[in-house]
C-alpha atoms as a PDB file:
ATOM      1  CA  MET A   1       0.000   0.000   0.000  1.00  0.00           C
ATOM      2  CA  ASN A   2       1.337   3.407  -0.972  1.00  0.00           C
ATOM      3  CA  LEU A   3      -0.183   6.723   0.071  1.00  0.00           C
ATOM      4  CA  PHE A   4       0.761   8.459  -3.189  1.00  0.00           C
ATOM      5  CA  GLU A   5      -0.915   5.781  -5.283  1.00  0.00           C
ATOM      6  CA  ILE A   6      -4.040   5.909  -3.124  1.00  0.00           C
ATOM      7  CA  LEU A   7      -4.243   9.674  -3.640  1.00  0.00           C
ATOM      8  CA  ARG A   8      -3.277   9.266  -7.316  1.00  0.00           C
ATOM      9  CA  GLU A   9      -0.992  12.247  -6.964  1.00  0.00           C
ATOM     10  CA  GLY A  10       2.435  10.631  -7.234  1.00  0.00           C
ATOM     11  CA  HIS A  11       2.742  11.950 -10.798  1.00  0.00           C
ATOM     12  CA  LEU A  12       1.725  15.570 -10.154  1.00  0.00           C
ATOM     13  CA  GLU A  13       4.785  17.801 -10.283  1.00  0.00           C
ATOM     14  CA  THR A  14       3.515  20.324  -7.748  1.00  0.00           C
ATOM     15  CA  ARG A  15       2.766  17.555  -5.218  1.00  0.00           C
ATOM     16  CA  VAL A  16       6.175  15.997  -5.772  1.00  0.00           C
ATOM     17  CA  ASP A  17       7.755  19.445  -5.368  1.00  0.00           C
ATOM     18  CA  MET A  18       6.112  19.849  -1.967  1.00  0.00           C
ATOM     19  CA  VAL A  19       7.197  16.400  -0.750  1.00  0.00           C
ATOM     20  CA  LEU A  20      10.754  16.981  -1.956  1.00  0.00           C
ATOM     21  CA  LYS A  21      10.836  20.373  -0.280  1.00  0.00           C
ATOM     22  CA  PHE A  22       9.660  18.853   3.003  1.00  0.00           C
ATOM     23  CA  LEU A  23      12.178  15.993   2.933  1.00  0.00           C
ATOM     24  CA  MET A  24      15.103  18.167   1.811  1.00  0.00           C
ATOM     25  CA  ASP A  25      14.547  21.055   4.198  1.00  0.00           C
ATOM     26  CA  PRO A  26      16.745  20.540   7.289  1.00  0.00           C
ATOM     27  CA  GLY A  27      14.475  22.871   9.238  1.00  0.00           C
ATOM     28  CA  GLU A  28      11.356  20.754   8.770  1.00  0.00           C
ATOM     29  CA  ARG A  29       9.988  18.554  11.554  1.00  0.00           C
ATOM     30  CA  HIS A  30      10.806  15.263   9.833  1.00  0.00           C
ATOM     31  CA  GLY A  31      13.822  14.792  12.098  1.00  0.00           C
ATOM     32  CA  LEU A  32      16.025  13.606   9.225  1.00  0.00           C
ATOM     33  CA  GLY A  33      18.273  16.637   9.345  1.00  0.00           C
ATOM     34  CA  THR A  34      20.303  17.128   6.166  1.00  0.00           C
ATOM     35  CA  LEU A  35      20.111  13.453   5.145  1.00  0.00           C
ATOM     36  CA  VAL A  36      18.029  13.887   1.978  1.00  0.00           C
ATOM     37  CA  LEU A  37      19.539  17.232   1.018  1.00  0.00           C
ATOM     38  CA  ASP A  38      23.108  15.991   1.471  1.00  0.00           C
ATOM     39  CA  SER A  39      22.320  12.910  -0.618  1.00  0.00           C
ATOM     40  CA  PHE A  40      21.003  15.171  -3.364  1.00  0.00           C
ATOM     41  CA  LEU A  41      23.952  17.566  -3.178  1.00  0.00           C
ATOM     42  CA  ALA A  42      26.435  14.684  -3.277  1.00  0.00           C
ATOM     43  CA  LEU A  43      25.052  13.806  -6.710  1.00  0.00           C
ATOM     44  CA  LEU A  44      26.001  17.299  -7.894  1.00  0.00           C
ATOM     45  CA  GLU A  45      29.717  16.728  -7.269  1.00  0.00           C
ATOM     46  CA  GLY A  46      31.617  18.213 -10.215  1.00  0.00           C
ATOM     47  CA  ALA A  47      28.557  19.975 -11.656  1.00  0.00           C
ATOM     48  CA  HIS A  48      29.427  23.313 -13.211  1.00  0.00           C
ATOM     49  CA  PHE A  49      28.052  26.529 -11.801  1.00  0.00           C
ATOM     50  CA  VAL A  50      25.993  28.635 -14.207  1.00  0.00           C
ATOM     51  CA  ASP A  51      25.567  32.347 -14.705  1.00  0.00           C
ATOM     52  CA  SER A  52      23.880  34.673 -17.193  1.00  0.00           C
ATOM     53  CA  ARG A  53      25.935  33.178 -20.050  1.00  0.00           C
ATOM     54  CA  GLY A  54      25.466  29.497 -19.228  1.00  0.00           C
ATOM     55  CA  ARG A  55      27.856  27.003 -17.642  1.00  0.00           C
ATOM     56  CA  ARG A  56      30.972  28.320 -15.969  1.00  0.00           C
ATOM     57  CA  SER A  57      34.316  26.519 -15.737  1.00  0.00           C
ATOM     58  CA  GLU A  58      34.150  26.325 -11.929  1.00  0.00           C
ATOM     59  CA  ALA A  59      32.617  23.147 -10.473  1.00  0.00           C
ATOM     60  CA  PHE A  60      30.747  22.301  -7.274  1.00  0.00           C
ATOM     61  CA  GLU A  61      32.428  20.429  -4.394  1.00  0.00           C
ATOM     62  CA  ALA A  62      29.790  18.638  -2.318  1.00  0.00           C
ATOM     63  CA  ALA A  63      32.061  17.965   0.643  1.00  0.00           C
ATOM     64  CA  LEU A  64      32.318  21.701   1.349  1.00  0.00           C
ATOM     65  CA  VAL A  65      28.577  22.000   2.062  1.00  0.00           C
ATOM     66  CA  SER A  66      27.747  18.621   3.626  1.00  0.00           C
ATOM     67  CA  GLY A  67      25.879  18.898   6.923  1.00  0.00           C
ATOM     68  CA  ASN A  68      25.179  22.612   6.563  1.00  0.00           C
ATOM     69  CA  GLY A  69      21.726  23.418   7.952  1.00  0.00           C
ATOM     70  CA  GLY A  70      21.482  27.014   6.754  1.00  0.00           C
ATOM     71  CA  TRP A  71      19.344  26.264   3.714  1.00  0.00           C
ATOM     72  CA  GLU A  72      16.104  28.000   2.768  1.00  0.00           C
ATOM     73  CA  LEU A  73      13.819  26.022   0.474  1.00  0.00           C
ATOM     74  CA  GLY A  74      10.680  26.960  -1.413  1.00  0.00           C
ATOM     75  CA  THR A  75       8.418  25.647  -4.164  1.00  0.00           C
ATOM     76  CA  GLN A  76       7.088  27.589  -7.161  1.00  0.00           C
ATOM     77  CA  VAL A  77       9.458  30.483  -6.463  1.00  0.00           C
ATOM     78  CA  ASP A  78       9.124  32.744  -9.502  1.00  0.00           C
ATOM     79  CA  HIS A  79       7.958  29.638 -11.453  1.00  0.00           C
ATOM     80  CA  ILE A  80      10.927  27.577 -10.209  1.00  0.00           C
ATOM     81  CA  ASP A  81       9.698  24.127  -9.118  1.00  0.00           C
ATOM     82  CA  LEU A  82      12.059  23.785  -6.162  1.00  0.00           C
ATOM     83  CA  TYR A  83      14.489  26.458  -5.049  1.00  0.00           C
ATOM     84  CA  ALA A  84      17.168  26.006  -2.399  1.00  0.00           C
ATOM     85  CA  MET A  85      19.445  28.817  -1.303  1.00  0.00           C
ATOM     86  CA  ASN A  86      22.114  29.174   1.354  1.00  0.00           C
ATOM     87  CA  PRO A  87      23.231  32.794   1.784  1.00  0.00           C
ATOM     88  CA  ASP A  88      25.990  31.708   4.176  1.00  0.00           C
ATOM     89  CA  LEU A  89      27.510  29.634   1.379  1.00  0.00           C
ATOM     90  CA  GLY A  90      26.585  32.105  -1.351  1.00  0.00           C
ATOM     91  CA  LEU A  91      24.976  29.179  -3.162  1.00  0.00           C
ATOM     92  CA  ALA A  92      21.589  28.546  -4.781  1.00  0.00           C
ATOM     93  CA  VAL A  93      20.290  25.361  -6.380  1.00  0.00           C
ATOM     94  CA  VAL A  94      17.513  25.645  -8.961  1.00  0.00           C
ATOM     95  CA  ILE A  95      15.651  22.356  -9.426  1.00  0.00           C
ATOM     96  CA  GLU A  96      13.371  21.825 -12.419  1.00  0.00           C
ATOM     97  CA  ASN A  97      11.211  18.791 -11.679  1.00  0.00           C
ATOM     98  CA  LYS A  98       9.960  17.100 -14.856  1.00  0.00           C
ATOM     99  CA  ILE A  99       7.462  14.236 -14.711  1.00  0.00           C
ATOM    100  CA  GLY A 100       6.082  13.371 -18.132  1.00  0.00           C
ATOM    101  CA  HIS A 101       6.286  16.962 -19.387  1.00  0.00           C
ATOM    102  CA  GLU A 102       8.521  18.482 -22.027  1.00  0.00           C
ATOM    103  CA  PHE A 103      11.659  20.196 -20.726  1.00  0.00           C
ATOM    104  CA  ASN A 104      11.124  23.586 -22.355  1.00  0.00           C
ATOM    105  CA  ASN A 105      11.318  25.976 -19.397  1.00  0.00           C
ATOM    106  CA  PRO A 106      13.093  29.369 -19.534  1.00  0.00           C
ATOM    107  CA  ILE A 107      15.852  28.158 -17.228  1.00  0.00           C
ATOM    108  CA  ASP A 108      18.101  31.097 -18.082  1.00  0.00           C
ATOM    109  CA  LYS A 109      15.494  33.313 -16.407  1.00  0.00           C
ATOM    110  CA  TYR A 110      15.464  31.008 -13.369  1.00  0.00           C
ATOM    111  CA  VAL A 111      19.227  31.415 -13.062  1.00  0.00           C
ATOM    112  CA  GLU A 112      18.878  35.191 -13.349  1.00  0.00           C
ATOM    113  CA  HIS A 113      16.361  35.123 -10.499  1.00  0.00           C
ATOM    114  CA  ALA A 114      18.771  33.200  -8.301  1.00  0.00           C
ATOM    115  CA  LEU A 115      21.683  35.535  -9.065  1.00  0.00           C
ATOM    116  CA  ASP A 116      19.515  38.519  -8.182  1.00  0.00           C
ATOM    117  CA  GLN A 117      19.149  37.251  -4.620  1.00  0.00           C
ATOM    118  CA  LYS A 118      21.291  38.967  -2.009  1.00  0.00           C
ATOM    119  CA  GLY A 119      24.427  37.035  -1.131  1.00  0.00           C
ATOM    120  CA  ILE A 120      24.128  34.480  -3.959  1.00  0.00           C
ATOM    121  CA  ASN A 121      27.272  34.165  -6.063  1.00  0.00           C
ATOM    122  CA  ASP A 122      27.065  30.585  -7.343  1.00  0.00           C
ATOM    123  CA  VAL A 123      24.088  28.835  -8.930  1.00  0.00           C
ATOM    124  CA  ILE A 124      23.574  25.192  -9.884  1.00  0.00           C
ATOM    125  CA  MET A 125      20.779  24.403 -12.348  1.00  0.00           C
ATOM    126  CA  VAL A 126      19.457  20.832 -12.024  1.00  0.00           C
ATOM    127  CA  VAL A 127      16.760  18.934 -13.901  1.00  0.00           C
ATOM    128  CA  LEU A 128      15.274  16.010 -11.951  1.00  0.00           C
ATOM    129  CA  ALA A 129      13.133  13.517 -13.844  1.00  0.00           C
ATOM    130  CA  PRO A 130      12.319   9.806 -14.165  1.00  0.00           C
ATOM    131  CA  GLU A 131      14.923   9.671 -16.940  1.00  0.00           C
ATOM    132  CA  ALA A 132      17.921  11.809 -17.963  1.00  0.00           C
ATOM    133  CA  ARG A 133      16.709  14.962 -19.724  1.00  0.00           C
ATOM    134  CA  THR A 134      18.127  17.593 -22.039  1.00  0.00           C
ATOM    135  CA  HIS A 135      16.446  20.891 -22.853  1.00  0.00           C
ATOM    136  CA  ILE A 136      14.590  20.948 -26.173  1.00  0.00           C
ATOM    137  CA  ASP A 137      16.463  24.165 -26.974  1.00  0.00           C
ATOM    138  CA  SER A 138      20.134  23.266 -27.388  1.00  0.00           C
ATOM    139  CA  ASP A 139      21.127  26.842 -26.543  1.00  0.00           C
ATOM    140  CA  LEU A 140      19.269  26.752 -23.221  1.00  0.00           C
ATOM    141  CA  ASP A 141      20.726  23.316 -22.464  1.00  0.00           C
ATOM    142  CA  THR A 142      24.023  25.109 -21.776  1.00  0.00           C
ATOM    143  CA  TRP A 143      22.403  26.363 -18.548  1.00  0.00           C
ATOM    144  CA  VAL A 144      21.918  22.823 -17.215  1.00  0.00           C
ATOM    145  CA  SER A 145      24.546  21.940 -14.612  1.00  0.00           C
ATOM    146  CA  LYS A 146      23.347  18.368 -14.104  1.00  0.00           C
ATOM    147  CA  SER A 147      20.535  16.036 -15.128  1.00  0.00           C
ATOM    148  CA  LEU A 148      19.503  13.604 -12.380  1.00  0.00           C
ATOM    149  CA  THR A 149      16.977  10.798 -12.250  1.00  0.00           C
ATOM    150  CA  TYR A 150      14.805   9.766  -9.327  1.00  0.00           C
ATOM    151  CA  GLN A 151      16.649   6.467  -9.381  1.00  0.00           C
ATOM    152  CA  ASP A 152      19.922   8.363  -8.838  1.00  0.00           C
ATOM    153  CA  LEU A 153      18.421  10.213  -5.881  1.00  0.00           C
ATOM    154  CA  ALA A 154      16.886   7.084  -4.367  1.00  0.00           C
ATOM    155  CA  GLU A 155      20.151   5.151  -4.547  1.00  0.00           C
ATOM    156  CA  ALA A 156      22.061   8.031  -2.962  1.00  0.00           C
ATOM    157  CA  ILE A 157      19.566   8.286  -0.084  1.00  0.00           C
ATOM    158  CA  LEU A 158      19.475   4.524   0.521  1.00  0.00           C
ATOM    159  CA  ALA A 159      23.291   4.402   0.565  1.00  0.00           C
ATOM    160  CA  SER A 160      23.502   7.068   3.258  1.00  0.00           C
ATOM    161  CA  SER A 161      24.965   5.880   6.579  1.00  0.00           C
ATOM    162  CA  SER A 162      22.717   8.411   8.322  1.00  0.00           C
ATOM    163  CA  LEU A 163      19.630   6.649   6.997  1.00  0.00           C
ATOM    164  CA  ALA A 164      20.749   3.320   8.417  1.00  0.00           C
ATOM    165  CA  GLU A 165      21.404   4.881  11.814  1.00  0.00           C
ATOM    166  CA  ILE A 166      18.000   6.584  11.978  1.00  0.00           C
ATOM    167  CA  ALA A 167      16.167   3.520  10.673  1.00  0.00           C
ATOM    168  CA  MET A 168      17.717   1.314  13.356  1.00  0.00           C
ATOM    169  CA  ASN A 169      16.779   3.657  16.156  1.00  0.00           C
ATOM    170  CA  PRO A 170      14.164   6.343  15.296  1.00  0.00           C
ATOM    171  CA  LYS A 171      13.972   8.759  18.168  1.00  0.00           C
ATOM    172  CA  ASP A 172      10.322   9.827  17.882  1.00  0.00           C
ATOM    173  CA  THR A 173       7.061   9.593  15.954  1.00  0.00           C
ATOM    174  CA  ASN A 174       8.136  12.284  13.484  1.00  0.00           C
ATOM    175  CA  GLN A 175      11.201  10.323  12.459  1.00  0.00           C
ATOM    176  CA  ARG A 176       9.267   7.062  12.127  1.00  0.00           C
ATOM    177  CA  ARG A 177       6.565   8.652  10.005  1.00  0.00           C
ATOM    178  CA  SER A 178       9.098  10.559   7.928  1.00  0.00           C
ATOM    179  CA  LEU A 179      11.019   7.368   7.219  1.00  0.00           C
ATOM    180  CA  ASP A 180       7.783   5.759   6.056  1.00  0.00           C
ATOM    181  CA  LEU A 181       6.964   8.799   3.904  1.00  0.00           C
ATOM    182  CA  LEU A 182      10.454   8.711   2.393  1.00  0.00           C
ATOM    183  CA  GLN A 183      10.149   5.013   1.603  1.00  0.00           C
ATOM    184  CA  GLN A 184       6.763   5.439  -0.078  1.00  0.00           C
ATOM    185  CA  PHE A 185       8.011   8.447  -2.024  1.00  0.00           C
ATOM    186  CA  ILE A 186      11.017   6.469  -3.289  1.00  0.00           C
ATOM    187  CA  GLU A 187       8.762   3.542  -4.213  1.00  0.00           C
ATOM    188  CA  VAL A 188       6.338   5.580  -6.273  1.00  0.00           C
ATOM    189  CA  ARG A 189       9.061   7.567  -8.045  1.00  0.00           C
ATOM    190  CA  THR A 190      11.341   4.631  -8.909  1.00  0.00           C
ATOM    191  CA  ARG A 191       8.931   1.802  -9.662  1.00  0.00           C
ATOM    192  CA  GLY A 192       9.195   2.716 -13.316  1.00  0.00           C
ATOM    193  CA  SER A 193       8.840   6.169 -14.758  1.00  0.00           C
ATOM    194  CA  ASN A 194       5.222   5.628 -15.798  1.00  0.00           C
ATOM    195  CA  VAL A 195       3.687   3.685 -12.899  1.00  0.00           C
ATOM    196  CA  ALA A 196       1.414   6.447 -11.634  1.00  0.00           C
ATOM    197  CA  ASP A 197       0.754   7.684 -15.153  1.00  0.00           C
ATOM    198  CA  GLN A 198      -0.232   4.166 -16.193  1.00  0.00           C
ATOM    199  CA  GLN A 199      -2.732   3.942 -13.343  1.00  0.00           C
ATOM    200  CA  ASP A 200      -4.364   7.166 -14.498  1.00  0.00           C
ATOM    201  CA  GLU A 201      -4.438   5.867 -18.068  1.00  0.00           C
ATOM    202  CA  VAL A 202      -6.141   2.645 -16.937  1.00  0.00           C
ATOM    203  CA  ARG A 203      -8.688   4.692 -14.986  1.00  0.00           C
ATOM    204  CA  LEU A 204      -9.306   6.933 -18.007  1.00  0.00           C
ATOM    205  CA  ILE A 205      -9.812   3.962 -20.317  1.00  0.00           C
ATOM    206  CA  SER A 206     -12.120   2.233 -17.826  1.00  0.00           C
ATOM    207  CA  GLU A 207     -14.231   5.364 -17.408  1.00  0.00           C
ATOM    208  CA  TRP A 208     -14.460   5.768 -21.171  1.00  0.00           C
ATOM    209  CA  ARG A 209     -15.588   2.172 -21.597  1.00  0.00           C
ATOM    210  CA  GLN A 210     -18.269   2.705 -18.960  1.00  0.00           C
ATOM    211  CA  LEU A 211     -19.489   5.835 -20.756  1.00  0.00           C
ATOM    212  CA  ASN A 212     -19.617   3.902 -24.012  1.00  0.00           C
ATOM    213  CA  GLU A 213     -21.706   1.212 -22.355  1.00  0.00           C
ATOM    214  CA  GLN A 214     -24.073   3.712 -20.720  1.00  0.00           C
ATOM    215  CA  HIS A 215     -24.637   5.647 -23.964  1.00  0.00           C
ATOM    216  CA  ALA A 216     -24.207   2.816 -26.449  1.00  0.00           C
ATOM    217  CA  ALA A 217     -27.482   3.488 -28.286  1.00  0.00           C
ATOM    218  CA  GLN A 218     -26.821   7.212 -28.702  1.00  0.00           C
ATOM    219  CA  ILE A 219     -23.229   6.641 -29.786  1.00  0.00           C
ATOM    220  CA  ARG A 220     -24.319   4.018 -32.323  1.00  0.00           C
ATOM    221  CA  ALA A 221     -26.955   6.386 -33.710  1.00  0.00           C
ATOM    222  CA  PHE A 222     -24.412   9.205 -33.960  1.00  0.00           C
ATOM    223  CA  ASN A 223     -21.844   7.006 -35.722  1.00  0.00           C
ATOM    224  CA  ASP A 224     -24.473   5.680 -38.131  1.00  0.00           C
ATOM    225  CA  ARG A 225     -25.627   9.186 -39.041  1.00  0.00           C
ATOM    226  CA  GLN A 226     -22.045  10.400 -39.397  1.00  0.00           C
ATOM    227  CA  GLY A 227     -21.316   7.505 -41.730  1.00  0.00           C
ATOM    228  CA  GLN A 228     -24.363   8.397 -43.838  1.00  0.00           C
ATOM    229  CA  VAL A 229     -23.276  12.042 -44.055  1.00  0.00           C
ATOM    230  CA  ASN A 230     -19.709  11.150 -45.009  1.00  0.00           C
ATOM    231  CA  ALA A 231     -20.915   8.684 -47.626  1.00  0.00           C
ATOM    232  CA  ALA A 232     -23.216  11.372 -49.094  1.00  0.00           C
ATOM    233  CA  MET A 233     -20.294  13.813 -49.337  1.00  0.00           C
ATOM    234  CA  SER A 234     -18.125  11.186 -51.030  1.00  0.00           C
ATOM    235  CA  ARG A 235     -20.878  10.419 -53.554  1.00  0.00           C
ATOM    236  CA  ARG A 236     -21.261  14.112 -54.325  1.00  0.00           C
ATOM    237  CA  LEU A 237     -17.529  14.500 -54.924  1.00  0.00           C
ATOM    238  CA  PHE A 238     -17.532  11.436 -57.172  1.00  0.00           C
ATOM    239  CA  ARG A 239     -20.253  13.066 -59.270  1.00  0.00           C
ATOM    240  CA  LEU A 240     -18.223  16.280 -59.399  1.00  0.00           C
ATOM    241  CA  LYS A 241     -15.112  14.599 -60.757  1.00  0.00           C
ATOM    242  CA  GLN A 242     -16.153  14.539 -64.414  1.00  0.00           C
ATOM    243  CA  PRO A 243     -17.701  18.074 -64.455  1.00  0.00           C
ATOM    244  CA  ILE A 244     -14.437  19.410 -63.025  1.00  0.00           C
ATOM    245  CA  ILE A 245     -12.360  17.595 -65.679  1.00  0.00           C
ATOM    246  CA  ASP A 246     -14.707  19.014 -68.326  1.00  0.00           C
ATOM    247  CA  GLN A 247     -14.172  22.521 -66.972  1.00  0.00           C
ATOM    248  CA  PHE A 248     -10.409  22.073 -67.163  1.00  0.00           C
ATOM    249  CA  ARG A 249     -10.820  21.020 -70.814  1.00  0.00           C
ATOM    250  CA  ILE A 250     -12.907  24.121 -71.473  1.00  0.00           C
ATOM    251  CA  ALA A 251     -10.162  26.192 -69.876  1.00  0.00           C
ATOM    252  CA  ASN A 252      -7.760  24.536 -72.344  1.00  0.00           C
ATOM    253  CA  VAL A 253      -5.423  23.297 -69.634  1.00  0.00           C
ATOM    254  CA  GLY A 254      -3.120  21.018 -71.632  1.00  0.00           C
ATOM    255  CA  LYS A 255      -3.939  19.109 -74.782  1.00  0.00           C
ATOM    256  CA  ASN A 256      -5.036  16.119 -72.783  1.00  0.00           C
ATOM    257  CA  PRO A 257      -6.332  16.701 -69.250  1.00  0.00           C
ATOM    258  CA  GLY A 258      -5.708  13.023 -68.549  1.00  0.00           C
ATOM    259  CA  GLU A 259      -1.974  13.655 -68.799  1.00  0.00           C
ATOM    260  CA  LEU A 260      -2.087  16.688 -66.602  1.00  0.00           C
ATOM    261  CA  LEU A 261      -4.653  15.780 -63.982  1.00  0.00           C
ATOM    262  CA  ASP A 262      -4.836  12.956 -61.522  1.00  0.00           C
ATOM    263  CA  SER A 263      -7.965  12.932 -59.387  1.00  0.00           C
ATOM    264  CA  GLU A 264      -8.658  10.666 -56.436  1.00  0.00           C
ATOM    265  CA  GLY A 265     -11.286  10.286 -53.711  1.00  0.00           C
ATOM    266  CA  ALA A 266     -10.898   9.763 -49.959  1.00  0.00           C
ATOM    267  CA  GLY A 267     -13.472   7.144 -49.066  1.00  0.00           C
ATOM    268  CA  ARG A 268     -15.835   7.783 -46.162  1.00  0.00           C
ATOM    269  CA  SER A 269     -13.760  10.353 -44.324  1.00  0.00           C
ATOM    270  CA  SER A 270     -15.313  13.278 -42.446  1.00  0.00           C
ATOM    271  CA  THR A 271     -13.361  15.469 -44.896  1.00  0.00           C
ATOM    272  CA  PRO A 272     -13.416  13.673 -48.288  1.00  0.00           C
ATOM    273  CA  TRP A 273     -11.624  15.252 -51.213  1.00  0.00           C
ATOM    274  CA  LEU A 274     -10.917  15.288 -54.930  1.00  0.00           C
ATOM    275  CA  ARG A 275      -7.279  15.956 -55.761  1.00  0.00           C
ATOM    276  CA  PHE A 276      -5.935  17.330 -59.027  1.00  0.00           C
ATOM    277  CA  ASP A 277      -2.188  17.293 -59.625  1.00  0.00           C
ATOM    278  CA  PHE A 278      -0.287  19.837 -61.705  1.00  0.00           C
ATOM    279  CA  PRO A 279       3.109  18.147 -62.257  1.00  0.00           C
ATOM    280  CA  GLU A 280       4.480  20.949 -64.427  1.00  0.00           C
ATOM    281  CA  HIS A 281       3.917  23.387 -61.559  1.00  0.00           C
ATOM    282  CA  GLY A 282       4.847  20.978 -58.768  1.00  0.00           C
ATOM    283  CA  ARG A 283       1.517  21.571 -57.045  1.00  0.00           C
ATOM    284  CA  ALA A 284      -1.835  19.954 -56.332  1.00  0.00           C
ATOM    285  CA  VAL A 285      -5.269  21.423 -55.650  1.00  0.00           C
ATOM    286  CA  GLU A 286      -7.989  19.627 -53.729  1.00  0.00           C
ATOM    287  CA  LEU A 287     -11.721  20.193 -53.485  1.00  0.00           C
ATOM    288  CA  LYS A 288     -12.853  19.245 -49.998  1.00  0.00           C
ATOM    289  CA  PHE A 289     -16.151  18.848 -48.199  1.00  0.00           C
ATOM    290  CA  SER A 290     -16.414  18.752 -44.410  1.00  0.00           C
ATOM    291  CA  SER A 291     -19.126  17.780 -41.951  1.00  0.00           C
ATOM    292  CA  ASP A 292     -17.135  19.327 -39.099  1.00  0.00           C
ATOM    293  CA  TYR A 293     -18.774  22.599 -38.037  1.00  0.00           C
ATOM    294  CA  LYS A 294     -15.326  24.064 -37.307  1.00  0.00           C
ATOM    295  CA  ASN A 295     -14.359  23.815 -40.986  1.00  0.00           C
ATOM    296  CA  HIS A 296     -15.816  25.365 -44.115  1.00  0.00           C
ATOM    297  CA  ALA A 297     -18.471  23.134 -45.672  1.00  0.00           C
ATOM    298  CA  VAL A 298     -16.755  23.423 -49.068  1.00  0.00           C
ATOM    299  CA  PHE A 299     -13.152  24.528 -49.350  1.00  0.00           C
ATOM    300  CA  ILE A 300     -10.104  24.400 -51.555  1.00  0.00           C
ATOM    301  CA  TYR A 301      -6.675  23.189 -50.467  1.00  0.00           C
ATOM    302  CA  ASP A 302      -3.631  24.122 -52.536  1.00  0.00           C
ATOM    303  CA  HIS A 303      -0.176  22.725 -51.744  1.00  0.00           C
ATOM    304  CA  ASP A 304       3.204  21.728 -53.136  1.00  0.00           C
ATOM    305  CA  ARG A 305       4.404  18.117 -53.418  1.00  0.00           C
ATOM    306  CA  ASN A 306       5.676  18.006 -49.817  1.00  0.00           C
ATOM    307  CA  GLN A 307       2.656  19.889 -48.438  1.00  0.00           C
ATOM    308  CA  LYS A 308       4.974  22.431 -46.828  1.00  0.00           C
ATOM    309  CA  ASP A 309       3.794  25.396 -48.889  1.00  0.00           C
ATOM    310  CA  ARG A 310       0.026  25.125 -48.452  1.00  0.00           C
ATOM    311  CA  HIS A 311      -3.059  27.285 -48.546  1.00  0.00           C
ATOM    312  CA  ILE A 312      -6.677  26.684 -47.476  1.00  0.00           C
ATOM    313  CA  GLU A 313      -9.648  28.883 -48.226  1.00  0.00           C
ATOM    314  CA  SER A 314     -13.405  28.627 -48.410  1.00  0.00           C
ATOM    315  CA  LEU A 315     -14.834  28.122 -51.890  1.00  0.00           C
ATOM    316  CA  ALA A 316     -17.602  30.620 -52.609  1.00  0.00           C
ATOM    317  CA  VAL A 317     -20.276  27.990 -53.242  1.00  0.00           C
ATOM    318  CA  THR A 318     -22.964  26.154 -51.288  1.00  0.00           C
ATOM    319  CA  LEU A 319     -23.830  22.471 -51.367  1.00  0.00           C
ATOM    320  CA  ASP A 320     -27.267  23.134 -52.835  1.00  0.00           C
ATOM    321  CA  MET A 321     -25.753  24.598 -56.011  1.00  0.00           C
ATOM    322  CA  ASP A 322     -25.667  22.699 -59.285  1.00  0.00           C
ATOM    323  CA  ASP A 323     -22.629  20.479 -59.891  1.00  0.00           C
ATOM    324  CA  SER A 324     -21.612  22.477 -62.953  1.00  0.00           C
ATOM    325  CA  LEU A 325     -21.504  25.726 -60.943  1.00  0.00           C
ATOM    326  CA  ILE A 326     -19.424  24.164 -58.179  1.00  0.00           C
ATOM    327  CA  ALA A 327     -17.072  22.627 -60.755  1.00  0.00           C
ATOM    328  CA  LYS A 328     -16.650  25.947 -62.575  1.00  0.00           C
ATOM    329  CA  ALA A 329     -15.991  27.869 -59.341  1.00  0.00           C
ATOM    330  CA  PHE A 330     -13.416  25.287 -58.241  1.00  0.00           C
ATOM    331  CA  VAL A 331     -11.556  25.206 -61.575  1.00  0.00           C
ATOM    332  CA  ASN A 332     -11.443  28.998 -61.855  1.00  0.00           C
ATOM    333  CA  ARG A 333     -10.001  29.350 -58.373  1.00  0.00           C
ATOM    334  CA  ALA A 334      -7.645  26.378 -58.777  1.00  0.00           C
ATOM    335  CA  LEU A 335      -6.093  27.875 -61.926  1.00  0.00           C
ATOM    336  CA  VAL A 336      -5.547  31.193 -60.124  1.00  0.00           C
ATOM    337  CA  LEU A 337      -3.895  29.507 -57.150  1.00  0.00           C
ATOM    338  CA  VAL A 338      -1.640  27.288 -59.267  1.00  0.00           C
ATOM    339  CA  SER A 339      -0.481  30.188 -61.446  1.00  0.00           C
ATOM    340  CA  THR A 340       0.153  32.589 -58.568  1.00  0.00           C
ATOM    341  CA  ARG A 341       1.640  30.175 -55.997  1.00  0.00           C
ATOM    342  CA  SER A 342       3.919  28.111 -58.241  1.00  0.00           C
END
């Protein structure tokens, strides 16, 4: 049994931040002193300090700060997940806690915040996660002093001689409960990087299955109607194929439209299309219908071969118009787009 799993909060960064802050803070009532903090700091041995330009050449020596109780810790300090500072040592440690989220934070700004604090001369920027992380921005990654995993932290704590001493002879209720909290925290954060996330996923899937069962008739009716609508749109586009080819012939696009144009349908999609390729221009133009209220009912999609240079716009027609009018409007606009965007 694990408290964090019962509460389903072992994967929430803010909750983890608060537990880490409690266990690391020597001034808290857990009775563990600097055990957890020293274990964490020992992992930073040799980590480079950082400043406004990124990593410095100078490196951290853990032995010089071991056992020091003059630390001040806080969570969500100017958006920093966990912030530890020791004015007596002139040192600040910025901890970015990442659990399942992308490492894209403005860590250079976090370092600036730390350096702005009175008495702080040296800053260490650490990312703590289930697995080793690098910043998605290679430039900002130069501000990372060290990347640690929860497994690293757990092994360092469990190897501490202080932990063995306290575990053999806890002096009071606070120490006993704190040891239990520490053990459960280590369990939930090292039992695989996705244990808590997986439990939430299972719950989500189970709830969705229950909703499907409760509303099976309505869902079936919706899917049936959607299929009918999509099939109707596909049939309409199939009927439009030949009128559009005829309009291209009228526009005298190539001696043989069959050599120039390649049209294809999309089956029973919610956004079926007819595509016409223009190899000489390296482009294609598609006529699309959509049953999605967020899209235009009828629109035109123009793009290059790689679909990197692309353009979408509503076609000035309505579905109740005659096929020949829709075909003419599409061809006229397609020729303009191909000639101007090639």
